[in-house]
Amino acid sequence: MTAFAAIDHHQSAKADPLEVFRARAEARAQLVAHGLHSLQDT
């Protein structure tokens, strides 16, 4: 028996949904700031 636990790489690679949303909001804000999207639609 080994001292290492099995690692489920698919589970450990999942991003926090709130952090993903935060990144999306940041990217969209940049598009608005550069005049590529409207604020209300975004």
ModelCIF file with pLDDT and N, C-alpha, C, O atoms, coordinates in Angstrom:
data_MODEL
#
_entry.id   MODEL 
#
_entity.id                         1 
_entity.type                       polymer 
_entity.pdbx_number_of_molecules   1 
#
_entity_poly.entity_id                      1 
_entity_poly.type                           'polypeptide(L)' 
_entity_poly.nstd_linkage                   no 
_entity_poly.nstd_monomer                   no 
_entity_poly.pdbx_seq_one_letter_code       MTAFAAIDHHQSAKADPLEVFRARAEARAQLVAHGLHSLQDT 
_entity_poly.pdbx_seq_one_letter_code_can   MTAFAAIDHHQSAKADPLEVFRARAEARAQLVAHGLHSLQDT 
_entity_poly.pdbx_strand_id                 A 
#
loop_
_entity_poly_seq.entity_id 
_entity_poly_seq.num 
_entity_poly_seq.mon_id 
_entity_poly_seq.hetero 
1 1  MET n 
1 2  THR n 
1 3  ALA n 
1 4  PHE n 
1 5  ALA n 
1 6  ALA n 
1 7  ILE n 
1 8  ASP n 
1 9  HIS n 
1 10 HIS n 
1 11 GLN n 
1 12 SER n 
1 13 ALA n 
1 14 LYS n 
1 15 ALA n 
1 16 ASP n 
1 17 PRO n 
1 18 LEU n 
1 19 GLU n 
1 20 VAL n 
1 21 PHE n 
1 22 ARG n 
1 23 ALA n 
1 24 ARG n 
1 25 ALA n 
1 26 GLU n 
1 27 ALA n 
1 28 ARG n 
1 29 ALA n 
1 30 GLN n 
1 31 LEU n 
1 32 VAL n 
1 33 ALA n 
1 34 HIS n 
1 35 GLY n 
1 36 LEU n 
1 37 HIS n 
1 38 SER n 
1 39 LEU n 
1 40 GLN n 
1 41 ASP n 
1 42 THR n 
#
_struct_asym.id          A 
_struct_asym.entity_id   1 
#
loop_
_ma_qa_metric.id 
_ma_qa_metric.mode 
_ma_qa_metric.name 
_ma_qa_metric.software_group_id 
_ma_qa_metric.type 
1 global pLDDT . pLDDT 
2 local  pLDDT . pLDDT 
#
_ma_qa_metric_global.metric_id      1 
_ma_qa_metric_global.metric_value   84.93 
_ma_qa_metric_global.model_id       1 
_ma_qa_metric_global.ordinal_id     1 
#
loop_
_ma_qa_metric_local.label_asym_id 
_ma_qa_metric_local.label_comp_id 
_ma_qa_metric_local.label_seq_id 
_ma_qa_metric_local.metric_id 
_ma_qa_metric_local.metric_value 
_ma_qa_metric_local.model_id 
_ma_qa_metric_local.ordinal_id 
A MET 1  2 49.00 1 1  
A THR 2  2 54.00 1 2  
A ALA 3  2 58.00 1 3  
A PHE 4  2 59.00 1 4  
A ALA 5  2 61.00 1 5  
A ALA 6  2 62.00 1 6  
A ILE 7  2 60.00 1 7  
A ASP 8  2 61.00 1 8  
A HIS 9  2 60.00 1 9  
A HIS 10 2 60.00 1 10 
A GLN 11 2 62.00 1 11 
A SER 12 2 63.00 1 12 
A ALA 13 2 73.00 1 13 
A LYS 14 2 84.00 1 14 
A ALA 15 2 91.00 1 15 
A ASP 16 2 94.00 1 16 
A PRO 17 2 95.00 1 17 
A LEU 18 2 96.00 1 18 
A GLU 19 2 96.00 1 19 
A VAL 20 2 96.00 1 20 
A PHE 21 2 98.00 1 21 
A ARG 22 2 97.00 1 22 
A ALA 23 2 97.00 1 23 
A ARG 24 2 97.00 1 24 
A ALA 25 2 98.00 1 25 
A GLU 26 2 97.00 1 26 
A ALA 27 2 97.00 1 27 
A ARG 28 2 97.00 1 28 
A ALA 29 2 97.00 1 29 
A GLN 30 2 97.00 1 30 
A LEU 31 2 97.00 1 31 
A VAL 32 2 97.00 1 32 
A ALA 33 2 96.00 1 33 
A HIS 34 2 97.00 1 34 
A GLY 35 2 97.00 1 35 
A LEU 36 2 97.00 1 36 
A HIS 37 2 96.00 1 37 
A SER 38 2 97.00 1 38 
A LEU 39 2 96.00 1 39 
A GLN 40 2 97.00 1 40 
A ASP 41 2 97.00 1 41 
A THR 42 2 97.00 1 42 
#
loop_
_atom_site.group_PDB 
_atom_site.id 
_atom_site.type_symbol 
_atom_site.label_atom_id 
_atom_site.label_alt_id 
_atom_site.label_comp_id 
_atom_site.label_asym_id 
_atom_site.label_entity_id 
_atom_site.label_seq_id 
_atom_site.pdbx_PDB_ins_code 
_atom_site.Cartn_x 
_atom_site.Cartn_y 
_atom_site.Cartn_z 
_atom_site.occupancy 
_atom_site.B_iso_or_equiv 
_atom_site.pdbx_formal_charge 
_atom_site.auth_seq_id 
_atom_site.auth_comp_id 
_atom_site.auth_asym_id 
_atom_site.auth_atom_id 
_atom_site.pdbx_PDB_model_num 
ATOM 1   N N  . MET A 1 1  ? 0.840   -1.167 0.000   1.00 49.00 ? 1  MET A N  1 
ATOM 2   C CA . MET A 1 1  ? 0.000   0.000  0.000   1.00 49.00 ? 1  MET A CA 1 
ATOM 3   C C  . MET A 1 1  ? 0.893   1.241  0.000   1.00 49.00 ? 1  MET A C  1 
ATOM 4   O O  . MET A 1 1  ? 1.911   1.268  0.693   1.00 49.00 ? 1  MET A O  1 
ATOM 5   N N  . THR A 1 2  ? 0.525   2.262  -0.766  1.00 54.00 ? 2  THR A N  1 
ATOM 6   C CA . THR A 1 2  ? 1.328   3.473  -0.828  1.00 54.00 ? 2  THR A CA 1 
ATOM 7   C C  . THR A 1 2  ? 0.801   4.526  0.140   1.00 54.00 ? 2  THR A C  1 
ATOM 8   O O  . THR A 1 2  ? -0.334  4.453  0.610   1.00 54.00 ? 2  THR A O  1 
ATOM 9   N N  . ALA A 1 3  ? 1.637   5.486  0.418   1.00 58.00 ? 3  ALA A N  1 
ATOM 10  C CA . ALA A 1 3  ? 1.261   6.570  1.332   1.00 58.00 ? 3  ALA A CA 1 
ATOM 11  C C  . ALA A 1 3  ? 0.508   7.685  0.610   1.00 58.00 ? 3  ALA A C  1 
ATOM 12  O O  . ALA A 1 3  ? 0.032   8.630  1.238   1.00 58.00 ? 3  ALA A O  1 
ATOM 13  N N  . PHE A 1 4  ? 0.405   7.565  -0.719  1.00 59.00 ? 4  PHE A N  1 
ATOM 14  C CA . PHE A 1 4  ? -0.251  8.620  -1.502  1.00 59.00 ? 4  PHE A CA 1 
ATOM 15  C C  . PHE A 1 4  ? -1.711  8.272  -1.742  1.00 59.00 ? 4  PHE A C  1 
ATOM 16  O O  . PHE A 1 4  ? -2.040  7.141  -2.100  1.00 59.00 ? 4  PHE A O  1 
ATOM 17  N N  . ALA A 1 5  ? -2.571  9.239  -1.546  1.00 61.00 ? 5  ALA A N  1 
ATOM 18  C CA . ALA A 1 5  ? -3.995  9.043  -1.817  1.00 61.00 ? 5  ALA A CA 1 
ATOM 19  C C  . ALA A 1 5  ? -4.242  9.247  -3.308  1.00 61.00 ? 5  ALA A C  1 
ATOM 20  O O  . ALA A 1 5  ? -3.548  10.018 -3.971  1.00 61.00 ? 5  ALA A O  1 
ATOM 21  N N  . ALA A 1 6  ? -5.222  8.557  -3.804  1.00 62.00 ? 6  ALA A N  1 
ATOM 22  C CA . ALA A 1 6  ? -5.589  8.725  -5.201  1.00 62.00 ? 6  ALA A CA 1 
ATOM 23  C C  . ALA A 1 6  ? -6.125  10.137 -5.410  1.00 62.00 ? 6  ALA A C  1 
ATOM 24  O O  . ALA A 1 6  ? -6.883  10.654 -4.589  1.00 62.00 ? 6  ALA A O  1 
ATOM 25  N N  . ILE A 1 7  ? -5.731  10.740 -6.498  1.00 60.00 ? 7  ILE A N  1 
ATOM 26  C CA . ILE A 1 7  ? -6.165  12.102 -6.799  1.00 60.00 ? 7  ILE A CA 1 
ATOM 27  C C  . ILE A 1 7  ? -7.089  12.059 -8.009  1.00 60.00 ? 7  ILE A C  1 
ATOM 28  O O  . ILE A 1 7  ? -6.740  11.525 -9.061  1.00 60.00 ? 7  ILE A O  1 
ATOM 29  N N  . ASP A 1 8  ? -8.255  12.625 -7.838  1.00 61.00 ? 8  ASP A N  1 
ATOM 30  C CA . ASP A 1 8  ? -9.180  12.769 -8.956  1.00 61.00 ? 8  ASP A CA 1 
ATOM 31  C C  . ASP A 1 8  ? -8.894  14.124 -9.596  1.00 61.00 ? 8  ASP A C  1 
ATOM 32  O O  . ASP A 1 8  ? -9.352  15.152 -9.096  1.00 61.00 ? 8  ASP A O  1 
ATOM 33  N N  . HIS A 1 9  ? -8.154  14.136 -10.679 1.00 60.00 ? 9  HIS A N  1 
ATOM 34  C CA . HIS A 1 9  ? -7.730  15.383 -11.308 1.00 60.00 ? 9  HIS A CA 1 
ATOM 35  C C  . HIS A 1 9  ? -8.912  16.185 -11.837 1.00 60.00 ? 9  HIS A C  1 
ATOM 36  O O  . HIS A 1 9  ? -8.832  17.411 -11.915 1.00 60.00 ? 9  HIS A O  1 
ATOM 37  N N  . HIS A 1 10 ? -9.980  15.538 -12.193 1.00 60.00 ? 10 HIS A N  1 
ATOM 38  C CA . HIS A 1 10 ? -11.144 16.255 -12.693 1.00 60.00 ? 10 HIS A CA 1 
ATOM 39  C C  . HIS A 1 10 ? -11.824 17.030 -11.576 1.00 60.00 ? 10 HIS A C  1 
ATOM 40  O O  . HIS A 1 10 ? -12.283 18.152 -11.792 1.00 60.00 ? 10 HIS A O  1 
ATOM 41  N N  . GLN A 1 11 ? -11.893 16.456 -10.407 1.00 62.00 ? 11 GLN A N  1 
ATOM 42  C CA . GLN A 1 11 ? -12.504 17.137 -9.270  1.00 62.00 ? 11 GLN A CA 1 
ATOM 43  C C  . GLN A 1 11 ? -11.635 18.292 -8.797  1.00 62.00 ? 11 GLN A C  1 
ATOM 44  O O  . GLN A 1 11 ? -12.151 19.372 -8.509  1.00 62.00 ? 11 GLN A O  1 
ATOM 45  N N  . SER A 1 12 ? -10.345 18.089 -8.714  1.00 63.00 ? 12 SER A N  1 
ATOM 46  C CA . SER A 1 12 ? -9.466  19.125 -8.184  1.00 63.00 ? 12 SER A CA 1 
ATOM 47  C C  . SER A 1 12 ? -9.296  20.290 -9.156  1.00 63.00 ? 12 SER A C  1 
ATOM 48  O O  . SER A 1 12 ? -8.855  21.366 -8.754  1.00 63.00 ? 12 SER A O  1 
ATOM 49  N N  . ALA A 1 13 ? -9.635  20.094 -10.416 1.00 73.00 ? 13 ALA A N  1 
ATOM 50  C CA . ALA A 1 13 ? -9.462  21.139 -11.414 1.00 73.00 ? 13 ALA A CA 1 
ATOM 51  C C  . ALA A 1 13 ? -10.674 22.054 -11.543 1.00 73.00 ? 13 ALA A C  1 
ATOM 52  O O  . ALA A 1 13 ? -10.623 23.034 -12.287 1.00 73.00 ? 13 ALA A O  1 
ATOM 53  N N  . LYS A 1 14 ? -11.751 21.762 -10.845 1.00 84.00 ? 14 LYS A N  1 
ATOM 54  C CA . LYS A 1 14 ? -12.948 22.589 -10.953 1.00 84.00 ? 14 LYS A CA 1 
ATOM 55  C C  . LYS A 1 14 ? -12.726 23.945 -10.294 1.00 84.00 ? 14 LYS A C  1 
ATOM 56  O O  . LYS A 1 14 ? -12.257 24.035 -9.160  1.00 84.00 ? 14 LYS A O  1 
ATOM 57  N N  . ALA A 1 15 ? -13.071 24.989 -11.028 1.00 91.00 ? 15 ALA A N  1 
ATOM 58  C CA . ALA A 1 15 ? -12.924 26.341 -10.507 1.00 91.00 ? 15 ALA A CA 1 
ATOM 59  C C  . ALA A 1 15 ? -14.132 26.717 -9.653  1.00 91.00 ? 15 ALA A C  1 
ATOM 60  O O  . ALA A 1 15 ? -15.236 26.212 -9.858  1.00 91.00 ? 15 ALA A O  1 
ATOM 61  N N  . ASP A 1 16 ? -13.908 27.590 -8.717  1.00 94.00 ? 16 ASP A N  1 
ATOM 62  C CA . ASP A 1 16 ? -14.977 28.122 -7.894  1.00 94.00 ? 16 ASP A CA 1 
ATOM 63  C C  . ASP A 1 16 ? -15.917 28.942 -8.789  1.00 94.00 ? 16 ASP A C  1 
ATOM 64  O O  . ASP A 1 16 ? -15.463 29.878 -9.446  1.00 94.00 ? 16 ASP A O  1 
ATOM 65  N N  . PRO A 1 17 ? -17.206 28.616 -8.830  1.00 95.00 ? 17 PRO A N  1 
ATOM 66  C CA . PRO A 1 17 ? -18.136 29.324 -9.719  1.00 95.00 ? 17 PRO A CA 1 
ATOM 67  C C  . PRO A 1 17 ? -18.192 30.828 -9.461  1.00 95.00 ? 17 PRO A C  1 
ATOM 68  O O  . PRO A 1 17 ? -18.382 31.603 -10.398 1.00 95.00 ? 17 PRO A O  1 
ATOM 69  N N  . LEU A 1 18 ? -18.033 31.244 -8.233  1.00 96.00 ? 18 LEU A N  1 
ATOM 70  C CA . LEU A 1 18 ? -18.066 32.667 -7.927  1.00 96.00 ? 18 LEU A CA 1 
ATOM 71  C C  . LEU A 1 18 ? -16.826 33.371 -8.482  1.00 96.00 ? 18 LEU A C  1 
ATOM 72  O O  . LEU A 1 18 ? -16.914 34.515 -8.928  1.00 96.00 ? 18 LEU A O  1 
ATOM 73  N N  . GLU A 1 19 ? -15.684 32.704 -8.459  1.00 96.00 ? 19 GLU A N  1 
ATOM 74  C CA . GLU A 1 19 ? -14.466 33.283 -9.030  1.00 96.00 ? 19 GLU A CA 1 
ATOM 75  C C  . GLU A 1 19 ? -14.544 33.342 -10.555 1.00 96.00 ? 19 GLU A C  1 
ATOM 76  O O  . GLU A 1 19 ? -14.030 34.277 -11.169 1.00 96.00 ? 19 GLU A O  1 
ATOM 77  N N  . VAL A 1 20 ? -15.176 32.364 -11.151 1.00 96.00 ? 20 VAL A N  1 
ATOM 78  C CA . VAL A 1 20 ? -15.384 32.387 -12.599 1.00 96.00 ? 20 VAL A CA 1 
ATOM 79  C C  . VAL A 1 20 ? -16.280 33.565 -12.960 1.00 96.00 ? 20 VAL A C  1 
ATOM 80  O O  . VAL A 1 20 ? -16.011 34.283 -13.923 1.00 96.00 ? 20 VAL A O  1 
ATOM 81  N N  . PHE A 1 21 ? -17.345 33.763 -12.186 1.00 98.00 ? 21 PHE A N  1 
ATOM 82  C CA . PHE A 1 21 ? -18.240 34.895 -12.431 1.00 98.00 ? 21 PHE A CA 1 
ATOM 83  C C  . PHE A 1 21 ? -17.490 36.215 -12.256 1.00 98.00 ? 21 PHE A C  1 
ATOM 84  O O  . PHE A 1 21 ? -17.675 37.146 -13.040 1.00 98.00 ? 21 PHE A O  1 
ATOM 85  N N  . ARG A 1 22 ? -16.651 36.292 -11.239 1.00 97.00 ? 22 ARG A N  1 
ATOM 86  C CA . ARG A 1 22 ? -15.868 37.512 -11.005 1.00 97.00 ? 22 ARG A CA 1 
ATOM 87  C C  . ARG A 1 22 ? -14.964 37.806 -12.212 1.00 97.00 ? 22 ARG A C  1 
ATOM 88  O O  . ARG A 1 22 ? -14.846 38.959 -12.628 1.00 97.00 ? 22 ARG A O  1 
ATOM 89  N N  . ALA A 1 23 ? -14.340 36.792 -12.762 1.00 97.00 ? 23 ALA A N  1 
ATOM 90  C CA . ALA A 1 23 ? -13.475 36.970 -13.938 1.00 97.00 ? 23 ALA A CA 1 
ATOM 91  C C  . ALA A 1 23 ? -14.290 37.404 -15.150 1.00 97.00 ? 23 ALA A C  1 
ATOM 92  O O  . ALA A 1 23 ? -13.854 38.250 -15.932 1.00 97.00 ? 23 ALA A O  1 
ATOM 93  N N  . ARG A 1 24 ? -15.468 36.824 -15.299 1.00 97.00 ? 24 ARG A N  1 
ATOM 94  C CA . ARG A 1 24 ? -16.352 37.224 -16.405 1.00 97.00 ? 24 ARG A CA 1 
ATOM 95  C C  . ARG A 1 24 ? -16.759 38.682 -16.282 1.00 97.00 ? 24 ARG A C  1 
ATOM 96  O O  . ARG A 1 24 ? -16.742 39.426 -17.262 1.00 97.00 ? 24 ARG A O  1 
ATOM 97  N N  . ALA A 1 25 ? -17.124 39.085 -15.071 1.00 98.00 ? 25 ALA A N  1 
ATOM 98  C CA . ALA A 1 25 ? -17.534 40.466 -14.841 1.00 98.00 ? 25 ALA A CA 1 
ATOM 99  C C  . ALA A 1 25 ? -16.387 41.427 -15.144 1.00 98.00 ? 25 ALA A C  1 
ATOM 100 O O  . ALA A 1 25 ? -16.594 42.486 -15.737 1.00 98.00 ? 25 ALA A O  1 
ATOM 101 N N  . GLU A 1 26 ? -15.203 41.059 -14.741 1.00 97.00 ? 26 GLU A N  1 
ATOM 102 C CA . GLU A 1 26 ? -14.027 41.894 -14.990 1.00 97.00 ? 26 GLU A CA 1 
ATOM 103 C C  . GLU A 1 26 ? -13.772 42.032 -16.502 1.00 97.00 ? 26 GLU A C  1 
ATOM 104 O O  . GLU A 1 26 ? -13.514 43.129 -16.997 1.00 97.00 ? 26 GLU A O  1 
ATOM 105 N N  . ALA A 1 27 ? -13.848 40.924 -17.213 1.00 97.00 ? 27 ALA A N  1 
ATOM 106 C CA . ALA A 1 27 ? -13.629 40.956 -18.663 1.00 97.00 ? 27 ALA A CA 1 
ATOM 107 C C  . ALA A 1 27 ? -14.699 41.777 -19.368 1.00 97.00 ? 27 ALA A C  1 
ATOM 108 O O  . ALA A 1 27 ? -14.398 42.551 -20.277 1.00 97.00 ? 27 ALA A O  1 
ATOM 109 N N  . ARG A 1 28 ? -15.939 41.608 -18.950 1.00 97.00 ? 28 ARG A N  1 
ATOM 110 C CA . ARG A 1 28 ? -17.036 42.375 -19.557 1.00 97.00 ? 28 ARG A CA 1 
ATOM 111 C C  . ARG A 1 28 ? -16.896 43.865 -19.258 1.00 97.00 ? 28 ARG A C  1 
ATOM 112 O O  . ARG A 1 28 ? -17.190 44.700 -20.113 1.00 97.00 ? 28 ARG A O  1 
ATOM 113 N N  . ALA A 1 29 ? -16.453 44.198 -18.058 1.00 97.00 ? 29 ALA A N  1 
ATOM 114 C CA . ALA A 1 29 ? -16.261 45.606 -17.705 1.00 97.00 ? 29 ALA A CA 1 
ATOM 115 C C  . ALA A 1 29 ? -15.206 46.250 -18.607 1.00 97.00 ? 29 ALA A C  1 
ATOM 116 O O  . ALA A 1 29 ? -15.334 47.412 -18.992 1.00 97.00 ? 29 ALA A O  1 
ATOM 117 N N  . GLN A 1 30 ? -14.180 45.497 -18.933 1.00 97.00 ? 30 GLN A N  1 
ATOM 118 C CA . GLN A 1 30 ? -13.148 46.014 -19.836 1.00 97.00 ? 30 GLN A CA 1 
ATOM 119 C C  . GLN A 1 30 ? -13.724 46.273 -21.224 1.00 97.00 ? 30 GLN A C  1 
ATOM 120 O O  . GLN A 1 30 ? -13.383 47.267 -21.865 1.00 97.00 ? 30 GLN A O  1 
ATOM 121 N N  . LEU A 1 31 ? -14.591 45.384 -21.687 1.00 97.00 ? 31 LEU A N  1 
ATOM 122 C CA . LEU A 1 31 ? -15.221 45.582 -22.998 1.00 97.00 ? 31 LEU A CA 1 
ATOM 123 C C  . LEU A 1 31 ? -16.084 46.833 -23.007 1.00 97.00 ? 31 LEU A C  1 
ATOM 124 O O  . LEU A 1 31 ? -16.086 47.582 -23.984 1.00 97.00 ? 31 LEU A O  1 
ATOM 125 N N  . VAL A 1 32 ? -16.813 47.063 -21.928 1.00 97.00 ? 32 VAL A N  1 
ATOM 126 C CA . VAL A 1 32 ? -17.630 48.273 -21.815 1.00 97.00 ? 32 VAL A CA 1 
ATOM 127 C C  . VAL A 1 32 ? -16.732 49.509 -21.786 1.00 97.00 ? 32 VAL A C  1 
ATOM 128 O O  . VAL A 1 32 ? -17.006 50.494 -22.473 1.00 97.00 ? 32 VAL A O  1 
ATOM 129 N N  . ALA A 1 33 ? -15.677 49.459 -21.005 1.00 96.00 ? 33 ALA A N  1 
ATOM 130 C CA . ALA A 1 33 ? -14.766 50.594 -20.875 1.00 96.00 ? 33 ALA A CA 1 
ATOM 131 C C  . ALA A 1 33 ? -14.132 50.983 -22.211 1.00 96.00 ? 33 ALA A C  1 
ATOM 132 O O  . ALA A 1 33 ? -13.826 52.152 -22.446 1.00 96.00 ? 33 ALA A O  1 
ATOM 133 N N  . HIS A 1 34 ? -13.940 50.001 -23.074 1.00 97.00 ? 34 HIS A N  1 
ATOM 134 C CA . HIS A 1 34 ? -13.336 50.264 -24.381 1.00 97.00 ? 34 HIS A CA 1 
ATOM 135 C C  . HIS A 1 34 ? -14.371 50.504 -25.473 1.00 97.00 ? 34 HIS A C  1 
ATOM 136 O O  . HIS A 1 34 ? -14.030 50.570 -26.654 1.00 97.00 ? 34 HIS A O  1 
ATOM 137 N N  . GLY A 1 35 ? -15.633 50.634 -25.080 1.00 97.00 ? 35 GLY A N  1 
ATOM 138 C CA . GLY A 1 35 ? -16.693 50.967 -26.027 1.00 97.00 ? 35 GLY A CA 1 
ATOM 139 C C  . GLY A 1 35 ? -17.139 49.823 -26.922 1.00 97.00 ? 35 GLY A C  1 
ATOM 140 O O  . GLY A 1 35 ? -17.768 50.060 -27.954 1.00 97.00 ? 35 GLY A O  1 
ATOM 141 N N  . LEU A 1 36 ? -16.826 48.585 -26.549 1.00 97.00 ? 36 LEU A N  1 
ATOM 142 C CA . LEU A 1 36 ? -17.164 47.441 -27.382 1.00 97.00 ? 36 LEU A CA 1 
ATOM 143 C C  . LEU A 1 36 ? -18.495 46.794 -26.991 1.00 97.00 ? 36 LEU A C  1 
ATOM 144 O O  . LEU A 1 36 ? -19.057 46.013 -27.760 1.00 97.00 ? 36 LEU A O  1 
ATOM 145 N N  . HIS A 1 37 ? -18.995 47.117 -25.805 1.00 96.00 ? 37 HIS A N  1 
ATOM 146 C CA . HIS A 1 37 ? -20.296 46.618 -25.339 1.00 96.00 ? 37 HIS A CA 1 
ATOM 147 C C  . HIS A 1 37 ? -21.000 47.758 -24.620 1.00 96.00 ? 37 HIS A C  1 
ATOM 148 O O  . HIS A 1 37 ? -20.357 48.671 -24.101 1.00 96.00 ? 37 HIS A O  1 
ATOM 149 N N  . SER A 1 38 ? -22.322 47.698 -24.595 1.00 97.00 ? 38 SER A N  1 
ATOM 150 C CA . SER A 1 38 ? -23.056 48.702 -23.830 1.00 97.00 ? 38 SER A CA 1 
ATOM 151 C C  . SER A 1 38 ? -23.143 48.252 -22.375 1.00 97.00 ? 38 SER A C  1 
ATOM 152 O O  . SER A 1 38 ? -23.192 47.056 -22.086 1.00 97.00 ? 38 SER A O  1 
ATOM 153 N N  . LEU A 1 39 ? -23.161 49.210 -21.476 1.00 96.00 ? 39 LEU A N  1 
ATOM 154 C CA . LEU A 1 39 ? -23.208 48.910 -20.050 1.00 96.00 ? 39 LEU A CA 1 
ATOM 155 C C  . LEU A 1 39 ? -24.476 48.135 -19.700 1.00 96.00 ? 39 LEU A C  1 
ATOM 156 O O  . LEU A 1 39 ? -24.403 47.111 -19.020 1.00 96.00 ? 39 LEU A O  1 
ATOM 157 N N  . GLN A 1 40 ? -25.629 48.607 -20.151 1.00 97.00 ? 40 GLN A N  1 
ATOM 158 C CA . GLN A 1 40 ? -26.898 47.973 -19.781 1.00 97.00 ? 40 GLN A CA 1 
ATOM 159 C C  . GLN A 1 40 ? -26.981 46.532 -20.287 1.00 97.00 ? 40 GLN A C  1 
ATOM 160 O O  . GLN A 1 40 ? -27.382 45.635 -19.545 1.00 97.00 ? 40 GLN A O  1 
ATOM 161 N N  . ASP A 1 41 ? -26.605 46.313 -21.537 1.00 97.00 ? 41 ASP A N  1 
ATOM 162 C CA . ASP A 1 41 ? -26.647 44.948 -22.079 1.00 97.00 ? 41 ASP A CA 1 
ATOM 163 C C  . ASP A 1 41 ? -25.687 44.025 -21.332 1.00 97.00 ? 41 ASP A C  1 
ATOM 164 O O  . ASP A 1 41 ? -25.997 42.859 -21.090 1.00 97.00 ? 41 ASP A O  1 
ATOM 165 N N  . THR A 1 42 ? -24.541 44.548 -20.976 1.00 97.00 ? 42 THR A N  1 
ATOM 166 C CA . THR A 1 42 ? -23.539 43.747 -20.282 1.00 97.00 ? 42 THR A CA 1 
ATOM 167 C C  . THR A 1 42 ? -24.003 43.363 -18.886 1.00 97.00 ? 42 THR A C  1 
ATOM 168 O O  . THR A 1 42 ? -23.277 42.684 -18.158 1.00 97.00 ? 42 THR A O  1 
#
